[in-house]
């Protein structure tokens, strides 16, 4: 798994959703994570569980997933295209200003949960990750 920065990855989002996300971020200080996941085999699928959190590395406090776009919530599945990544967006409750490093962790009752560790906080709270 690797963390990409905005300049490293081009994700296209419709202007209506982009404006809505910017408004939410400015009003409520949410954390926005744009994710890409690639299929390993034809027919691979992904889903997100509501038990997905940002975890402040210093305090261990968890911050809830508020919204997901472009991926199904468990128990439903979203097919990952074999020739390009499945791109989706996760929006989380805002982190405190004191948080400098966090983990994105999907806590689920089976193997294979999403996990992106040691994400350095940035001033925009918008991140691009490949899972």
N, C-alpha and C. Protein backbone atom coordinates (compact mmCIF):
# COMPACT_ATOMS: atom_id res chain seq x y z
N UNK A 1 0.82 -1.17 0.00
CA UNK A 1 0.00 0.00 0.00
C UNK A 1 0.87 1.24 0.00
N UNK A 2 0.44 2.26 -0.72
CA UNK A 2 1.22 3.48 -0.75
C UNK A 2 0.29 4.68 -0.70
N UNK A 3 0.80 5.76 -0.18
CA UNK A 3 0.05 7.01 -0.11
C UNK A 3 0.52 7.89 -1.25
N UNK A 4 -0.42 8.39 -2.02
CA UNK A 4 -0.10 9.29 -3.12
C UNK A 4 -0.59 10.68 -2.76
N UNK A 5 0.05 11.68 -3.27
CA UNK A 5 -0.37 13.04 -3.05
C UNK A 5 -1.15 13.53 -4.26
N UNK A 6 -1.89 14.61 -4.08
CA UNK A 6 -2.79 15.11 -5.10
C UNK A 6 -2.11 15.26 -6.45
N UNK A 7 -0.87 15.73 -6.47
CA UNK A 7 -0.19 15.94 -7.73
C UNK A 7 0.22 14.62 -8.40
N UNK A 8 0.19 13.51 -7.67
CA UNK A 8 0.61 12.22 -8.21
C UNK A 8 -0.52 11.45 -8.88
N UNK A 9 -1.77 11.81 -8.61
CA UNK A 9 -2.89 11.02 -9.09
C UNK A 9 -3.99 11.94 -9.58
N UNK A 10 -4.51 11.66 -10.75
CA UNK A 10 -5.58 12.47 -11.33
C UNK A 10 -6.89 11.72 -11.17
N UNK A 11 -7.76 12.22 -10.30
CA UNK A 11 -9.07 11.63 -10.09
C UNK A 11 -10.11 12.63 -10.58
N UNK A 12 -11.00 12.19 -11.43
CA UNK A 12 -12.03 13.08 -11.93
C UNK A 12 -13.31 12.87 -11.13
N UNK A 13 -13.85 13.98 -10.61
CA UNK A 13 -15.07 13.96 -9.83
C UNK A 13 -16.00 14.99 -10.47
N UNK A 14 -17.27 14.64 -10.58
CA UNK A 14 -18.21 15.60 -11.18
C UNK A 14 -18.19 16.88 -10.36
N UNK A 15 -18.38 18.02 -11.02
CA UNK A 15 -18.26 19.32 -10.35
C UNK A 15 -19.26 19.48 -9.21
N UNK A 16 -20.45 18.90 -9.36
CA UNK A 16 -21.46 19.01 -8.30
C UNK A 16 -20.98 18.33 -7.01
N UNK A 17 -20.43 17.11 -7.13
CA UNK A 17 -19.92 16.40 -5.96
C UNK A 17 -18.70 17.12 -5.40
N UNK A 18 -17.83 17.60 -6.27
CA UNK A 18 -16.63 18.30 -5.83
C UNK A 18 -17.00 19.54 -5.02
N UNK A 19 -17.96 20.31 -5.51
CA UNK A 19 -18.41 21.51 -4.77
C UNK A 19 -19.04 21.13 -3.44
N UNK A 20 -19.81 20.05 -3.43
CA UNK A 20 -20.43 19.60 -2.19
C UNK A 20 -19.37 19.15 -1.18
N UNK A 21 -18.36 18.42 -1.65
CA UNK A 21 -17.28 17.98 -0.76
C UNK A 21 -16.50 19.16 -0.20
N UNK A 22 -16.21 20.15 -1.05
CA UNK A 22 -15.49 21.32 -0.56
C UNK A 22 -16.31 22.08 0.47
N UNK A 23 -17.61 22.20 0.24
CA UNK A 23 -18.49 22.87 1.19
C UNK A 23 -18.50 22.13 2.52
N UNK A 24 -18.64 20.79 2.47
CA UNK A 24 -18.64 20.00 3.69
C UNK A 24 -17.31 20.14 4.44
N UNK A 25 -16.22 20.10 3.71
CA UNK A 25 -14.91 20.21 4.34
C UNK A 25 -14.76 21.56 5.03
N UNK A 26 -15.16 22.63 4.35
CA UNK A 26 -15.02 23.97 4.92
C UNK A 26 -15.95 24.19 6.10
N UNK A 27 -17.15 23.66 6.04
CA UNK A 27 -18.12 23.88 7.10
C UNK A 27 -17.90 22.98 8.30
N UNK A 28 -17.54 21.74 8.09
CA UNK A 28 -17.51 20.79 9.18
C UNK A 28 -16.15 20.14 9.39
N UNK A 29 -15.16 20.52 8.61
CA UNK A 29 -13.81 19.99 8.75
C UNK A 29 -13.73 18.47 8.65
N UNK A 30 -14.34 17.91 7.65
CA UNK A 30 -14.21 16.48 7.41
C UNK A 30 -12.87 16.16 6.75
N UNK A 31 -12.50 14.90 6.81
CA UNK A 31 -11.32 14.38 6.12
C UNK A 31 -11.82 13.61 4.91
N UNK A 32 -11.27 13.93 3.75
CA UNK A 32 -11.69 13.32 2.50
C UNK A 32 -10.55 12.46 1.97
N UNK A 33 -10.86 11.19 1.73
CA UNK A 33 -9.84 10.28 1.22
C UNK A 33 -10.33 9.67 -0.09
N UNK A 34 -9.60 9.96 -1.16
CA UNK A 34 -9.88 9.40 -2.47
C UNK A 34 -9.05 8.12 -2.59
N UNK A 35 -9.71 7.02 -2.85
CA UNK A 35 -9.06 5.71 -2.87
C UNK A 35 -9.10 5.09 -4.26
N UNK A 36 -8.07 4.32 -4.56
CA UNK A 36 -8.03 3.51 -5.77
C UNK A 36 -7.65 2.10 -5.36
N UNK A 37 -8.35 1.13 -5.94
CA UNK A 37 -8.01 -0.27 -5.68
C UNK A 37 -8.02 -1.01 -7.01
N UNK A 38 -7.01 -1.83 -7.22
CA UNK A 38 -6.87 -2.56 -8.47
C UNK A 38 -7.27 -4.02 -8.28
N UNK A 39 -7.85 -4.59 -9.32
CA UNK A 39 -8.21 -6.00 -9.31
C UNK A 39 -6.96 -6.84 -9.49
N UNK A 40 -6.89 -7.94 -8.77
CA UNK A 40 -5.81 -8.90 -8.94
C UNK A 40 -6.22 -9.96 -9.97
N UNK A 41 -7.52 -10.26 -10.03
CA UNK A 41 -8.08 -11.23 -10.96
C UNK A 41 -9.40 -10.70 -11.51
N UNK A 42 -9.79 -11.19 -12.66
CA UNK A 42 -11.10 -10.84 -13.22
C UNK A 42 -12.17 -11.27 -12.23
N UNK A 43 -13.14 -10.42 -12.01
CA UNK A 43 -14.23 -10.75 -11.10
C UNK A 43 -13.99 -10.30 -9.66
N UNK A 44 -12.83 -9.70 -9.36
CA UNK A 44 -12.58 -9.19 -8.01
C UNK A 44 -13.58 -8.08 -7.69
N UNK A 45 -13.92 -7.98 -6.42
CA UNK A 45 -14.88 -6.97 -5.97
C UNK A 45 -14.41 -6.42 -4.62
N UNK A 46 -14.97 -5.28 -4.26
CA UNK A 46 -14.62 -4.64 -2.99
C UNK A 46 -15.89 -4.08 -2.36
N UNK A 47 -15.78 -3.81 -1.08
CA UNK A 47 -16.87 -3.17 -0.34
C UNK A 47 -16.24 -2.46 0.85
N UNK A 48 -16.98 -1.56 1.43
CA UNK A 48 -16.49 -0.85 2.61
C UNK A 48 -17.44 -1.16 3.76
N UNK A 49 -16.88 -1.33 4.92
CA UNK A 49 -17.68 -1.56 6.11
C UNK A 49 -17.85 -0.25 6.86
N UNK A 50 -18.98 -0.11 7.53
CA UNK A 50 -19.21 1.09 8.33
C UNK A 50 -18.25 1.16 9.51
N UNK A 51 -17.58 0.06 9.79
CA UNK A 51 -16.59 0.02 10.87
C UNK A 51 -15.19 0.35 10.31
N UNK A 52 -15.14 1.40 9.50
CA UNK A 52 -13.89 1.91 8.95
C UNK A 52 -13.62 3.24 9.64
N UNK A 53 -12.39 3.42 10.11
CA UNK A 53 -12.07 4.58 10.94
C UNK A 53 -10.75 5.20 10.56
N UNK A 54 -10.60 6.46 10.95
CA UNK A 54 -9.29 7.09 11.03
C UNK A 54 -8.89 6.98 12.49
N UNK A 55 -7.65 6.63 12.74
CA UNK A 55 -7.18 6.47 14.11
C UNK A 55 -5.99 7.40 14.32
N UNK A 56 -6.14 8.32 15.23
CA UNK A 56 -5.06 9.25 15.60
C UNK A 56 -3.92 8.44 16.20
N UNK A 57 -2.74 8.48 15.59
CA UNK A 57 -1.61 7.66 16.05
C UNK A 57 -1.15 8.03 17.46
N UNK A 58 -1.28 9.29 17.85
CA UNK A 58 -0.81 9.71 19.17
C UNK A 58 -1.78 9.32 20.29
N UNK A 59 -3.09 9.52 20.05
CA UNK A 59 -4.07 9.30 21.12
C UNK A 59 -4.80 7.97 21.00
N UNK A 60 -4.82 7.37 19.81
CA UNK A 60 -5.56 6.13 19.59
C UNK A 60 -7.05 6.37 19.40
N UNK A 61 -7.49 7.62 19.43
CA UNK A 61 -8.91 7.93 19.27
C UNK A 61 -9.34 7.67 17.82
N UNK A 62 -10.56 7.13 17.66
CA UNK A 62 -11.08 6.81 16.33
C UNK A 62 -12.06 7.88 15.86
N UNK A 63 -12.08 8.05 14.53
CA UNK A 63 -12.97 9.02 13.90
C UNK A 63 -13.76 8.29 12.83
N UNK A 64 -15.08 8.42 12.91
CA UNK A 64 -16.01 7.62 12.11
C UNK A 64 -16.06 7.98 10.63
N UNK A 65 -16.33 6.94 9.84
CA UNK A 65 -16.65 7.10 8.43
C UNK A 65 -18.07 7.68 8.36
N UNK A 66 -18.23 8.78 7.63
CA UNK A 66 -19.54 9.42 7.51
C UNK A 66 -20.24 9.10 6.21
N UNK A 67 -19.45 8.92 5.13
CA UNK A 67 -20.05 8.79 3.80
C UNK A 67 -19.06 8.09 2.88
N UNK A 68 -19.58 7.31 1.95
CA UNK A 68 -18.75 6.67 0.93
C UNK A 68 -19.45 6.84 -0.42
N UNK A 69 -18.67 7.14 -1.45
CA UNK A 69 -19.20 7.29 -2.80
C UNK A 69 -18.35 6.47 -3.75
N UNK A 70 -19.01 5.64 -4.56
CA UNK A 70 -18.31 4.87 -5.57
C UNK A 70 -17.97 3.45 -5.13
N UNK A 71 -18.39 3.07 -3.94
CA UNK A 71 -18.17 1.72 -3.42
C UNK A 71 -19.38 1.34 -2.57
N UNK A 72 -19.72 0.06 -2.59
CA UNK A 72 -20.86 -0.44 -1.81
C UNK A 72 -20.49 -0.63 -0.35
N UNK A 73 -21.48 -0.46 0.51
CA UNK A 73 -21.31 -0.83 1.91
C UNK A 73 -21.60 -2.31 2.06
N UNK A 74 -20.83 -2.98 2.92
CA UNK A 74 -21.06 -4.40 3.22
C UNK A 74 -22.50 -4.55 3.71
N UNK A 75 -23.21 -5.58 3.27
CA UNK A 75 -22.72 -6.82 2.66
C UNK A 75 -22.69 -6.80 1.13
N UNK A 76 -23.07 -5.69 0.50
CA UNK A 76 -23.05 -5.61 -0.97
C UNK A 76 -21.61 -5.48 -1.46
N UNK A 77 -21.38 -5.83 -2.73
CA UNK A 77 -20.05 -5.78 -3.35
C UNK A 77 -20.08 -4.87 -4.57
N UNK A 78 -18.96 -4.24 -4.86
CA UNK A 78 -18.77 -3.45 -6.08
C UNK A 78 -17.68 -4.13 -6.89
N UNK A 79 -17.98 -4.46 -8.14
CA UNK A 79 -17.02 -5.10 -9.02
C UNK A 79 -15.88 -4.14 -9.34
N UNK A 80 -14.65 -4.63 -9.28
CA UNK A 80 -13.47 -3.83 -9.63
C UNK A 80 -13.17 -4.09 -11.10
N UNK A 81 -13.14 -3.05 -11.93
CA UNK A 81 -12.82 -3.27 -13.35
C UNK A 81 -11.43 -3.89 -13.47
N UNK A 82 -11.27 -4.83 -14.35
CA UNK A 82 -9.98 -5.51 -14.46
C UNK A 82 -8.92 -4.65 -15.16
N UNK A 83 -9.35 -3.73 -16.00
CA UNK A 83 -8.39 -2.95 -16.78
C UNK A 83 -8.13 -1.55 -16.21
N UNK A 84 -8.78 -1.20 -15.10
CA UNK A 84 -8.54 0.11 -14.47
C UNK A 84 -8.97 0.01 -13.00
N UNK A 85 -8.54 0.96 -12.18
CA UNK A 85 -8.87 0.85 -10.75
C UNK A 85 -10.32 1.22 -10.45
N UNK A 86 -10.82 0.68 -9.37
CA UNK A 86 -12.07 1.15 -8.80
C UNK A 86 -11.68 2.38 -7.97
N UNK A 87 -12.28 3.51 -8.27
CA UNK A 87 -11.99 4.73 -7.53
C UNK A 87 -13.20 5.10 -6.71
N UNK A 88 -12.97 5.40 -5.44
CA UNK A 88 -14.07 5.77 -4.55
C UNK A 88 -13.58 6.80 -3.54
N UNK A 89 -14.53 7.46 -2.91
CA UNK A 89 -14.22 8.52 -1.95
C UNK A 89 -14.84 8.20 -0.61
N UNK A 90 -14.05 8.39 0.44
CA UNK A 90 -14.51 8.20 1.81
C UNK A 90 -14.43 9.54 2.54
N UNK A 91 -15.46 9.85 3.31
CA UNK A 91 -15.47 11.09 4.09
C UNK A 91 -15.60 10.71 5.56
N UNK A 92 -14.70 11.24 6.37
CA UNK A 92 -14.64 10.94 7.80
C UNK A 92 -14.87 12.19 8.62
N UNK A 93 -15.26 11.94 9.86
CA UNK A 93 -15.35 13.02 10.84
C UNK A 93 -13.98 13.67 10.94
N UNK A 94 -13.95 15.00 11.11
CA UNK A 94 -12.70 15.75 11.16
C UNK A 94 -11.78 15.34 12.29
N UNK A 95 -10.49 15.45 12.03
CA UNK A 95 -9.47 15.17 13.04
C UNK A 95 -9.14 16.45 13.81
N UNK A 96 -8.69 16.32 15.05
CA UNK A 96 -8.30 17.52 15.80
C UNK A 96 -7.02 18.11 15.22
N UNK A 97 -6.83 19.40 15.42
CA UNK A 97 -5.64 20.07 14.90
C UNK A 97 -4.35 19.46 15.43
N UNK A 98 -4.41 18.86 16.60
CA UNK A 98 -3.21 18.26 17.21
C UNK A 98 -2.76 16.98 16.51
N UNK A 99 -3.62 16.36 15.72
CA UNK A 99 -3.28 15.11 15.03
C UNK A 99 -2.32 15.39 13.89
N UNK A 100 -1.18 14.71 13.90
CA UNK A 100 -0.17 14.87 12.86
C UNK A 100 -0.01 13.62 11.99
N UNK A 101 -0.43 12.46 12.51
CA UNK A 101 -0.25 11.19 11.84
C UNK A 101 -1.45 10.30 12.18
N UNK A 102 -2.01 9.62 11.17
CA UNK A 102 -3.16 8.77 11.43
C UNK A 102 -3.12 7.52 10.56
N UNK A 103 -3.93 6.54 10.95
CA UNK A 103 -4.13 5.32 10.18
C UNK A 103 -5.56 5.29 9.66
N UNK A 104 -5.74 4.73 8.47
CA UNK A 104 -7.06 4.41 7.92
C UNK A 104 -7.21 2.91 8.08
N UNK A 105 -8.18 2.48 8.90
CA UNK A 105 -8.31 1.06 9.20
C UNK A 105 -9.78 0.64 9.12
N UNK A 106 -10.00 -0.47 8.42
CA UNK A 106 -11.32 -1.08 8.33
C UNK A 106 -11.32 -2.26 9.29
N UNK A 107 -12.07 -2.15 10.37
CA UNK A 107 -12.11 -3.19 11.40
C UNK A 107 -13.31 -4.09 11.10
N UNK A 108 -12.99 -5.33 10.63
CA UNK A 108 -14.04 -6.22 10.18
C UNK A 108 -13.81 -7.63 10.74
N UNK A 109 -14.88 -8.45 10.74
CA UNK A 109 -14.79 -9.80 11.31
C UNK A 109 -14.22 -10.85 10.37
N UNK A 110 -13.37 -10.45 9.45
CA UNK A 110 -12.76 -11.37 8.49
C UNK A 110 -11.45 -10.76 8.01
N UNK A 111 -10.66 -11.54 7.29
CA UNK A 111 -9.40 -11.03 6.75
C UNK A 111 -9.67 -10.13 5.55
N UNK A 112 -8.71 -9.26 5.25
CA UNK A 112 -8.79 -8.47 4.03
C UNK A 112 -9.31 -7.06 4.20
N UNK A 113 -9.40 -6.55 5.41
CA UNK A 113 -9.86 -5.18 5.60
C UNK A 113 -8.87 -4.17 5.06
N UNK A 114 -9.37 -3.03 4.60
CA UNK A 114 -8.50 -1.96 4.13
C UNK A 114 -7.65 -1.45 5.27
N UNK A 115 -6.41 -1.11 4.95
CA UNK A 115 -5.51 -0.59 5.97
C UNK A 115 -4.44 0.27 5.29
N UNK A 116 -4.40 1.53 5.65
CA UNK A 116 -3.35 2.43 5.18
C UNK A 116 -2.77 3.06 6.45
N UNK A 117 -1.52 2.76 6.73
CA UNK A 117 -0.91 3.16 7.99
C UNK A 117 0.01 4.37 7.83
N UNK A 118 0.11 5.11 8.93
CA UNK A 118 1.06 6.23 9.04
C UNK A 118 0.89 7.29 7.96
N UNK A 119 -0.33 7.79 7.83
CA UNK A 119 -0.62 8.86 6.87
C UNK A 119 -0.25 10.19 7.54
N UNK A 120 0.64 10.94 6.91
CA UNK A 120 1.01 12.26 7.42
C UNK A 120 -0.10 13.25 7.13
N UNK A 121 -0.54 13.96 8.14
CA UNK A 121 -1.60 14.94 8.01
C UNK A 121 -1.13 16.09 7.14
N UNK A 122 -2.02 16.60 6.30
CA UNK A 122 -1.70 17.78 5.50
C UNK A 122 -2.69 18.90 5.79
N UNK A 123 -2.45 20.07 5.26
CA UNK A 123 -3.26 21.24 5.59
C UNK A 123 -4.65 21.20 4.97
N UNK A 124 -4.85 20.40 3.91
CA UNK A 124 -6.16 20.36 3.25
C UNK A 124 -7.07 19.27 3.78
N UNK A 125 -6.51 18.26 4.45
CA UNK A 125 -7.26 17.08 4.88
C UNK A 125 -7.94 16.36 3.71
N UNK A 126 -7.30 16.42 2.54
CA UNK A 126 -7.71 15.66 1.37
C UNK A 126 -6.52 14.78 1.00
N UNK A 127 -6.80 13.47 0.84
CA UNK A 127 -5.72 12.50 0.63
C UNK A 127 -6.08 11.59 -0.54
N UNK A 128 -5.04 11.03 -1.16
CA UNK A 128 -5.19 10.09 -2.27
C UNK A 128 -4.39 8.86 -1.90
N UNK A 129 -5.06 7.71 -1.84
CA UNK A 129 -4.37 6.47 -1.45
C UNK A 129 -4.70 5.37 -2.45
N UNK A 130 -3.74 4.45 -2.60
CA UNK A 130 -3.96 3.25 -3.37
C UNK A 130 -3.93 2.08 -2.40
N UNK A 131 -4.99 1.30 -2.45
CA UNK A 131 -5.11 0.17 -1.51
C UNK A 131 -4.76 -1.11 -2.24
